[in-house]
Amino acid sequence: MCDTFCYVTEEGTFFAKNSDRPVNEAQLVKAYKTRQKSEILQTQYLKIKDEGAFAIVLSQPEWLWGAEHGVNDKKVAVGNEKIYTVDDPYQHKEALIGMDLVRLVLERASSAQEGVEILGELLEKYGQGGIADIYTNEPYWSSFLISDPFEAYVVETSHNKWAAKKFTDKAAISNRITLKEFDLASKDLKGISCFDDLRNKDAPTQHADVRLSANQKFLEEISKRPNVTIYDFIEQLRDHNGKNPPPKLVTPFGEGITVCMHVKDFQLTQASMVCYLPKAPHLNPKAFFALANPCSSIFLPAMVPKFVPRVLSERETWRTFYTISRLTEQNDQAYYEVTSRLNALEATLISQSIEIGDNEEKWEEFISYVDYAITRYLEDIKSYSELDLNR
């Protein structure tokens, strides 16, 4: 279960994603430099031709080659969602999985439209298949939101079939098919005018409907505002239906479901990203990454692809924020104390990153400071008497 949405402005595009994964599965942020073409590229299950890669920053479940979301140095951002269709993923052999496709699009696409073309070619050639959830041994299909500074595409898939629709203002996806009509599609969709015809009607969508509605409402509201900032999207990724602290009773079927996911012993938001893709050619994309539940974590700034905080790639950072999230779910006082501390530090770091702009010399020094500040913050939180991080 995930949430992905974007908003296109006159100056650029805001892109946001919560990645919901199994309990105890770490998800880390890693930066990769450009890669030259070679003969073979090993994805999660398949070996395919290596076309080379742009520089990218990915948010990756630690056992996967691919990613839940990320952004490249060409100002393309991608996120994916689990969806259910009439095609049974258990009946198909190992091929590409949704997270492979996220990474491959980011490695190869210099625009959102090119990303759709690349994704479609890969699907039609290799198809989808293979376990994408190691805890339940579940394979599944994916939908995608692919954005650049000027536009976005929603792409929905079923094995090797796909359809895509272009958006020039705003778009949101969740764990269900949403396309009633489309602009582009695979050849084998002839005769199908509505991709929703492929939806598995027996698969529950209550949880996806709640979150999709919340994000669509958010996008409608900000479209009426004179100014939109990165903080608006961070706040939305932390949303608990307008309430705090996190809900105490949550089920996978809609009860208590919020954008920031807290389903005990099932799935949790394990990582988040908000990025800004500026239209101005001389400006670099900026991204803000959080580990574990965003409501009790810190969004750390990065200039893609050169300057990414080291702490985001360390499992111990994720583990600490994960533990904080579990404990603040149980203790409202701890939630308010922890979030007041993290919000103050986060606001300082984000405002400093905005002030620095695109000055790379200052970014190099700033990222070192971010790593230092977060290391100190985590040490301080560990000593906080209300939080037993060893339990």
Protein backbone atom coordinates (compact mmCIF):
# COMPACT_ATOMS: atom_id res chain seq x y z
CA MET A 1 0.00 0.00 0.00
CA CYS A 2 1.41 3.38 -1.02
CA ASP A 3 0.49 6.92 -1.96
CA THR A 4 1.97 8.96 -4.80
CA PHE A 5 0.89 12.38 -6.07
CA CYS A 6 2.24 15.43 -7.88
CA TYR A 7 1.37 19.04 -8.60
CA VAL A 8 2.61 21.01 -11.62
CA THR A 9 3.12 24.76 -11.18
CA GLU A 10 4.36 27.54 -13.46
CA GLU A 11 7.88 27.13 -12.04
CA GLY A 12 8.10 23.35 -11.72
CA THR A 13 6.62 20.16 -10.29
CA PHE A 14 6.21 18.95 -6.71
CA PHE A 15 6.29 15.14 -6.41
CA ALA A 16 5.50 13.23 -3.20
CA LYS A 17 5.40 9.57 -2.17
CA ASN A 18 4.89 7.44 0.92
CA SER A 19 6.28 3.93 0.54
CA ASP A 20 4.37 1.35 2.57
CA ARG A 21 6.18 -1.92 3.03
CA PRO A 22 6.09 -4.91 5.39
CA VAL A 23 6.82 -4.44 9.08
CA ASN A 24 10.57 -4.64 9.88
CA GLU A 25 11.68 -4.17 6.26
CA ALA A 26 14.32 -1.43 6.12
CA GLN A 27 14.21 1.05 3.25
CA LEU A 28 17.29 3.18 2.62
CA VAL A 29 18.28 6.03 0.30
CA LYS A 30 21.25 5.58 -2.02
CA ALA A 31 22.84 7.73 -4.71
CA TYR A 32 24.27 6.18 -7.90
CA LYS A 33 26.60 7.89 -10.37
CA THR A 34 26.22 7.74 -14.14
CA ARG A 35 26.95 4.33 -15.68
CA GLN A 36 28.25 3.59 -19.16
CA LYS A 37 26.61 1.01 -21.42
CA SER A 38 27.72 -2.58 -21.03
CA GLU A 39 26.57 -6.00 -22.16
CA ILE A 40 24.49 -7.25 -19.23
CA LEU A 41 22.51 -5.64 -16.42
CA GLN A 42 21.31 -7.81 -13.52
CA THR A 43 17.91 -6.69 -12.25
CA GLN A 44 16.11 -8.46 -9.38
CA TYR A 45 15.45 -11.63 -11.38
CA LEU A 46 16.39 -10.97 -15.01
CA LYS A 47 19.54 -10.19 -16.91
CA ILE A 48 18.80 -7.60 -19.59
CA LYS A 49 20.81 -5.39 -21.94
CA ASP A 50 22.52 -2.54 -20.12
CA GLU A 51 21.77 0.80 -21.79
CA GLY A 52 23.77 2.78 -19.23
CA ALA A 53 22.33 5.10 -16.58
CA PHE A 54 21.90 8.73 -15.61
CA ALA A 55 22.86 9.73 -12.08
CA ILE A 56 20.01 8.79 -9.73
CA VAL A 57 18.95 8.82 -6.09
CA LEU A 58 16.77 5.89 -5.03
CA SER A 59 14.76 4.89 -1.98
CA GLN A 60 15.17 1.10 -1.86
CA PRO A 61 13.90 -1.74 0.31
CA GLU A 62 17.23 -3.19 1.38
CA TRP A 63 16.86 -6.57 -0.39
CA LEU A 64 15.79 -5.15 -3.76
CA TRP A 65 17.79 -4.01 -6.80
CA GLY A 66 15.02 -1.62 -7.74
CA ALA A 67 13.31 1.17 -5.84
CA GLU A 68 9.95 2.34 -4.53
CA HIS A 69 10.66 5.88 -5.63
CA GLY A 70 13.47 8.15 -6.73
CA VAL A 71 14.63 11.02 -8.91
CA ASN A 72 17.36 11.45 -11.51
CA ASP A 73 19.61 14.30 -12.60
CA LYS A 74 17.38 14.92 -15.65
CA LYS A 75 14.56 16.04 -13.31
CA VAL A 76 12.42 12.92 -13.67
CA ALA A 77 10.75 11.45 -10.58
CA VAL A 78 9.00 8.06 -10.40
CA GLY A 79 7.00 6.13 -7.81
CA ASN A 80 5.00 2.91 -8.02
CA GLU A 81 1.96 1.31 -6.39
CA LYS A 82 0.71 -2.27 -5.97
CA ILE A 83 -2.49 -2.94 -7.94
CA TYR A 84 -4.70 -5.96 -8.62
CA THR A 85 -6.09 -7.00 -12.00
CA VAL A 86 -7.81 -9.96 -13.63
CA ASP A 87 -4.36 -11.31 -14.55
CA ASP A 88 -3.09 -13.58 -11.76
CA PRO A 89 0.56 -12.66 -10.95
CA TYR A 90 1.09 -16.08 -9.37
CA GLN A 91 0.67 -17.64 -12.82
CA HIS A 92 3.59 -15.78 -14.39
CA LYS A 93 7.29 -16.55 -14.21
CA GLU A 94 9.99 -14.27 -12.83
CA ALA A 95 10.55 -11.21 -14.98
CA LEU A 96 10.74 -7.51 -14.10
CA ILE A 97 9.02 -6.30 -10.93
CA GLY A 98 7.59 -2.83 -10.35
CA MET A 99 10.62 -1.65 -8.40
CA ASP A 100 12.91 -2.74 -11.27
CA LEU A 101 10.86 -0.58 -13.61
CA VAL A 102 11.09 2.45 -11.32
CA ARG A 103 14.87 2.21 -11.34
CA LEU A 104 15.16 1.47 -15.06
CA VAL A 105 12.99 4.46 -15.99
CA LEU A 106 15.07 6.74 -13.77
CA GLU A 107 18.29 5.34 -15.22
CA ARG A 108 17.19 5.90 -18.81
CA ALA A 109 14.55 8.65 -19.11
CA SER A 110 15.22 12.36 -19.64
CA SER A 111 11.51 13.29 -19.57
CA ALA A 112 8.23 11.89 -18.27
CA GLN A 113 7.04 11.01 -21.77
CA GLU A 114 10.28 9.20 -22.52
CA GLY A 115 9.85 7.37 -19.22
CA VAL A 116 6.46 6.07 -20.36
CA GLU A 117 7.93 4.91 -23.67
CA ILE A 118 10.82 3.12 -21.93
CA LEU A 119 8.53 1.50 -19.39
CA GLY A 120 6.17 0.32 -22.12
CA GLU A 121 8.98 -1.17 -24.19
CA LEU A 122 10.39 -3.01 -21.18
CA LEU A 123 6.98 -4.41 -20.22
CA GLU A 124 6.15 -5.61 -23.70
CA LYS A 125 9.56 -7.23 -24.10
CA TYR A 126 10.04 -8.79 -20.67
CA GLY A 127 6.72 -8.63 -18.83
CA GLN A 128 6.33 -8.55 -15.04
CA GLY A 129 6.76 -11.36 -12.58
CA GLY A 130 8.47 -12.41 -9.39
CA ILE A 131 8.17 -11.91 -5.65
CA ALA A 132 8.08 -8.25 -4.65
CA ASP A 133 7.15 -8.79 -0.99
CA ILE A 134 9.61 -11.19 0.63
CA TYR A 135 7.57 -11.46 3.84
CA THR A 136 4.41 -12.76 2.17
CA ASN A 137 6.04 -14.18 -0.98
CA GLU A 138 3.61 -12.08 -2.98
CA PRO A 139 4.04 -11.08 -6.63
CA TYR A 140 1.94 -8.20 -7.93
CA TRP A 141 1.47 -5.70 -10.74
CA SER A 142 2.24 -2.00 -10.43
CA SER A 143 0.95 1.40 -11.39
CA PHE A 144 3.35 4.33 -11.75
CA LEU A 145 3.45 8.10 -11.55
CA ILE A 146 6.19 9.54 -13.76
CA SER A 147 6.81 13.29 -13.51
CA ASP A 148 9.12 15.94 -14.90
CA PRO A 149 9.02 19.74 -14.44
CA PHE A 150 6.32 20.19 -17.10
CA GLU A 151 3.92 17.24 -16.89
CA ALA A 152 3.18 13.84 -15.42
CA TYR A 153 1.89 10.46 -16.59
CA VAL A 154 -0.09 7.84 -14.72
CA VAL A 155 0.79 4.38 -16.03
CA GLU A 156 -1.20 1.31 -15.02
CA THR A 157 -0.16 -2.23 -15.85
CA SER A 158 -1.27 -5.85 -15.87
CA HIS A 159 1.61 -8.27 -16.61
CA ASN A 160 2.85 -6.92 -19.98
CA LYS A 161 -0.20 -4.81 -20.76
CA TRP A 162 -0.18 -1.10 -19.94
CA ALA A 163 -2.03 2.18 -20.40
CA ALA A 164 -0.94 5.76 -19.69
CA LYS A 165 -2.62 9.14 -19.34
CA LYS A 166 -0.97 12.55 -19.43
CA PHE A 167 -1.62 15.21 -16.76
CA THR A 168 -0.43 18.82 -16.94
CA ASP A 169 -1.73 20.03 -13.57
CA LYS A 170 -2.06 17.38 -10.85
CA ALA A 171 -2.31 13.61 -10.44
CA ALA A 172 -2.57 11.03 -7.67
CA ILE A 173 -2.46 7.23 -7.53
CA SER A 174 -2.89 4.59 -4.85
CA ASN A 175 -3.36 0.82 -4.69
CA ARG A 176 -6.08 0.55 -7.29
CA ILE A 177 -6.68 1.12 -10.98
CA THR A 178 -7.78 4.71 -11.62
CA LEU A 179 -7.68 5.18 -15.41
CA LYS A 180 -11.05 5.28 -17.11
CA GLU A 181 -9.46 6.54 -20.32
CA PHE A 182 -5.90 6.77 -21.58
CA ASP A 183 -3.69 8.49 -24.13
CA LEU A 184 -1.13 5.73 -24.76
CA ALA A 185 -1.35 1.96 -24.43
CA SER A 186 0.24 -1.35 -25.36
CA LYS A 187 -0.80 -2.98 -28.64
CA ASP A 188 -2.71 -5.80 -26.93
CA LEU A 189 -5.23 -3.37 -25.41
CA LYS A 190 -7.14 -3.12 -28.68
CA GLY A 191 -10.84 -3.21 -27.98
CA ILE A 192 -10.41 -2.03 -24.38
CA SER A 193 -11.33 1.62 -23.94
CA CYS A 194 -11.32 1.65 -20.14
CA PHE A 195 -8.37 0.17 -18.24
CA ASP A 196 -10.64 -0.27 -15.23
CA ASP A 197 -12.17 -3.20 -17.12
CA LEU A 198 -9.05 -5.13 -16.08
CA ARG A 199 -9.50 -4.44 -12.35
CA ASN A 200 -9.98 -7.47 -10.13
CA LYS A 201 -13.42 -6.72 -8.72
CA ASP A 202 -12.84 -9.14 -5.82
CA ALA A 203 -9.79 -7.26 -4.55
CA PRO A 204 -10.72 -4.80 -1.77
CA THR A 205 -9.98 -1.13 -2.44
CA GLN A 206 -11.25 0.53 0.75
CA HIS A 207 -7.78 1.43 2.02
CA ALA A 208 -6.76 2.83 -1.37
CA ASP A 209 -10.01 4.77 -1.76
CA VAL A 210 -9.53 6.53 1.59
CA ARG A 211 -5.97 7.63 0.84
CA LEU A 212 -6.58 8.48 -2.81
CA SER A 213 -9.52 10.68 -1.81
CA ALA A 214 -7.41 12.43 0.85
CA ASN A 215 -4.64 13.24 -1.63
CA GLN A 216 -7.03 14.32 -4.37
CA LYS A 217 -8.71 16.67 -1.90
CA PHE A 218 -5.28 18.04 -0.91
CA LEU A 219 -4.38 18.69 -4.55
CA GLU A 220 -7.67 20.47 -5.14
CA GLU A 221 -7.11 22.68 -2.10
CA ILE A 222 -3.56 23.71 -2.97
CA SER A 223 -4.58 24.50 -6.55
CA LYS A 224 -6.55 27.41 -5.07
CA ARG A 225 -3.64 28.78 -3.04
CA PRO A 226 -1.45 31.63 -4.31
CA ASN A 227 1.70 29.98 -2.95
CA VAL A 228 2.66 26.33 -2.56
CA THR A 229 5.78 25.13 -0.76
CA ILE A 230 7.63 21.92 0.00
CA TYR A 231 6.17 22.03 3.52
CA ASP A 232 2.64 21.53 2.16
CA PHE A 233 3.63 18.18 0.68
CA ILE A 234 5.58 17.07 3.73
CA GLU A 235 2.55 17.84 5.90
CA GLN A 236 0.30 15.83 3.58
CA LEU A 237 2.56 12.77 3.72
CA ARG A 238 2.26 12.96 7.52
CA ASP A 239 -1.51 13.27 7.46
CA HIS A 240 -3.63 11.27 9.95
CA ASN A 241 -6.98 12.52 8.65
CA GLY A 242 -6.20 15.94 10.07
CA LYS A 243 -5.54 14.55 13.53
CA ASN A 244 -2.55 13.76 15.72
CA PRO A 245 -1.09 11.54 17.12
CA PRO A 246 -1.36 8.41 14.87
CA PRO A 247 -4.63 6.44 14.92
CA LYS A 248 -4.79 3.65 17.51
CA LEU A 249 -6.98 1.21 15.56
CA VAL A 250 -6.17 0.56 11.91
CA THR A 251 -7.18 -2.33 9.65
CA PRO A 252 -6.17 -3.09 6.04
CA PHE A 253 -9.78 -2.58 4.93
CA GLY A 254 -10.28 1.13 5.48
CA GLU A 255 -10.83 1.52 9.22
CA GLY A 256 -8.41 4.09 10.63
CA ILE A 257 -6.45 4.22 7.35
CA THR A 258 -4.50 7.44 6.82
CA VAL A 259 -1.99 8.78 4.29
CA CYS A 260 0.76 8.08 6.85
CA MET A 261 0.22 4.34 7.23
CA HIS A 262 0.13 2.58 10.62
CA VAL A 263 -1.30 -0.94 10.23
CA LYS A 264 0.15 -2.97 13.10
CA ASP A 265 1.74 -6.30 12.14
CA PHE A 266 0.86 -5.72 8.48
CA GLN A 267 2.27 -2.69 6.66
CA LEU A 268 3.74 0.66 7.61
CA THR A 269 5.09 3.68 5.82
CA GLN A 270 8.80 2.83 5.75
CA ALA A 271 10.12 5.76 3.71
CA SER A 272 8.96 8.99 2.10
CA MET A 273 10.12 11.48 -0.51
CA VAL A 274 9.12 14.95 -1.60
CA CYS A 275 11.04 16.45 -4.49
CA TYR A 276 10.87 19.64 -6.50
CA LEU A 277 11.64 19.54 -10.21
CA PRO A 278 12.32 23.10 -11.42
CA LYS A 279 11.61 24.15 -15.00
CA ALA A 280 14.58 26.53 -15.08
CA PRO A 281 17.39 24.66 -16.92
CA HIS A 282 20.15 25.95 -14.63
CA LEU A 283 18.49 24.71 -11.42
CA ASN A 284 19.04 21.24 -9.95
CA PRO A 285 16.24 19.04 -8.61
CA LYS A 286 15.90 19.11 -4.82
CA ALA A 287 14.64 16.15 -2.81
CA PHE A 288 13.68 15.61 0.83
CA PHE A 289 13.82 12.07 2.19
CA ALA A 290 12.48 10.56 5.42
CA LEU A 291 13.04 7.08 6.83
CA ALA A 292 10.24 5.10 8.53
CA ASN A 293 6.90 6.79 9.32
CA PRO A 294 7.20 10.44 8.24
CA CYS A 295 5.07 11.66 11.17
CA SER A 296 7.89 10.86 13.60
CA SER A 297 10.88 11.22 11.30
CA ILE A 298 12.80 14.07 9.64
CA PHE A 299 12.77 14.99 5.96
CA LEU A 300 16.41 15.54 5.09
CA PRO A 301 17.32 17.76 2.13
CA ALA A 302 19.41 16.60 -0.83
CA MET A 303 20.58 18.18 -4.06
CA VAL A 304 20.20 15.47 -6.68
CA PRO A 305 22.39 13.70 -7.46
CA LYS A 306 25.59 15.02 -5.87
CA PHE A 307 24.72 15.84 -2.29
CA VAL A 308 22.75 13.27 -0.28
CA PRO A 309 23.09 12.85 3.51
CA ARG A 310 25.10 9.75 4.36
CA VAL A 311 22.82 8.88 7.30
CA LEU A 312 19.98 8.13 4.88
CA SER A 313 21.90 5.11 3.56
CA GLU A 314 22.57 3.61 7.01
CA ARG A 315 20.30 0.92 8.38
CA GLU A 316 20.79 2.15 11.93
CA THR A 317 19.19 5.48 11.01
CA TRP A 318 16.12 3.71 9.64
CA ARG A 319 16.00 1.37 12.66
CA THR A 320 16.04 4.24 15.13
CA PHE A 321 13.28 6.18 13.37
CA TYR A 322 11.31 2.94 12.99
CA THR A 323 11.56 2.29 16.73
CA ILE A 324 10.60 5.88 17.51
CA SER A 325 7.51 5.45 15.33
CA ARG A 326 6.40 2.29 17.13
CA LEU A 327 6.85 3.83 20.56
CA THR A 328 5.17 7.13 19.76
CA GLU A 329 2.16 5.19 18.46
CA GLN A 330 1.71 3.85 21.99
CA ASN A 331 2.53 7.00 23.96
CA ASP A 332 0.83 10.28 23.01
CA GLN A 333 3.05 12.37 25.28
CA ALA A 334 6.17 10.88 23.71
CA TYR A 335 4.72 11.59 20.27
CA TYR A 336 4.28 15.28 20.98
CA GLU A 337 7.68 15.64 22.67
CA VAL A 338 9.55 13.82 19.90
CA THR A 339 7.77 15.60 17.05
CA SER A 340 8.33 19.02 18.62
CA ARG A 341 12.06 18.29 18.65
CA LEU A 342 12.25 16.85 15.17
CA ASN A 343 10.04 19.54 13.61
CA ALA A 344 12.34 22.28 14.93
CA LEU A 345 15.47 20.61 13.55
CA GLU A 346 13.78 19.73 10.28
CA ALA A 347 12.57 23.30 9.73
CA THR A 348 16.10 24.59 10.31
CA LEU A 349 17.66 22.14 7.84
CA ILE A 350 15.06 22.70 5.13
CA SER A 351 15.20 26.50 5.41
CA GLN A 352 19.01 26.37 5.24
CA SER A 353 18.87 24.19 2.12
CA ILE A 354 16.48 26.65 0.45
CA GLU A 355 18.72 29.57 1.38
CA ILE A 356 21.78 27.83 -0.11
CA GLY A 357 19.96 27.39 -3.41
CA ASP A 358 22.25 25.83 -6.03
CA ASN A 359 25.60 26.84 -4.53
CA GLU A 360 27.45 23.51 -4.74
CA GLU A 361 30.35 24.61 -2.56
CA LYS A 362 27.96 25.43 0.27
CA TRP A 363 25.99 22.22 -0.31
CA GLU A 364 29.08 20.09 0.26
CA GLU A 365 29.63 21.70 3.65
CA PHE A 366 25.91 21.70 4.45
CA ILE A 367 25.46 17.96 3.85
CA SER A 368 28.31 17.23 6.27
CA TYR A 369 26.51 19.35 8.83
CA VAL A 370 23.23 17.48 8.18
CA ASP A 371 24.94 14.15 8.88
CA TYR A 372 26.44 15.55 12.07
CA ALA A 373 23.16 17.11 13.24
CA ILE A 374 21.12 13.95 12.63
CA THR A 375 23.70 11.75 14.35
CA ARG A 376 23.53 14.03 17.39
CA TYR A 377 19.73 14.13 17.23
CA LEU A 378 19.46 10.34 17.21
CA GLU A 379 21.86 10.06 20.14
CA ASP A 380 19.74 12.57 22.03
CA ILE A 381 16.52 10.72 21.24
CA LYS A 382 18.04 7.44 22.40
CA SER A 383 18.74 9.00 25.78
CA TYR A 384 15.23 10.42 26.09
CA SER A 385 13.75 8.73 29.16
CA GLU A 386 10.37 7.97 27.58
CA LEU A 387 11.91 5.95 24.72
CA ASP A 388 13.42 2.55 25.34
CA LEU A 389 15.00 1.93 21.95
CA ASN A 390 16.26 -1.48 22.98
CA ARG A 391 12.84 -3.02 23.60
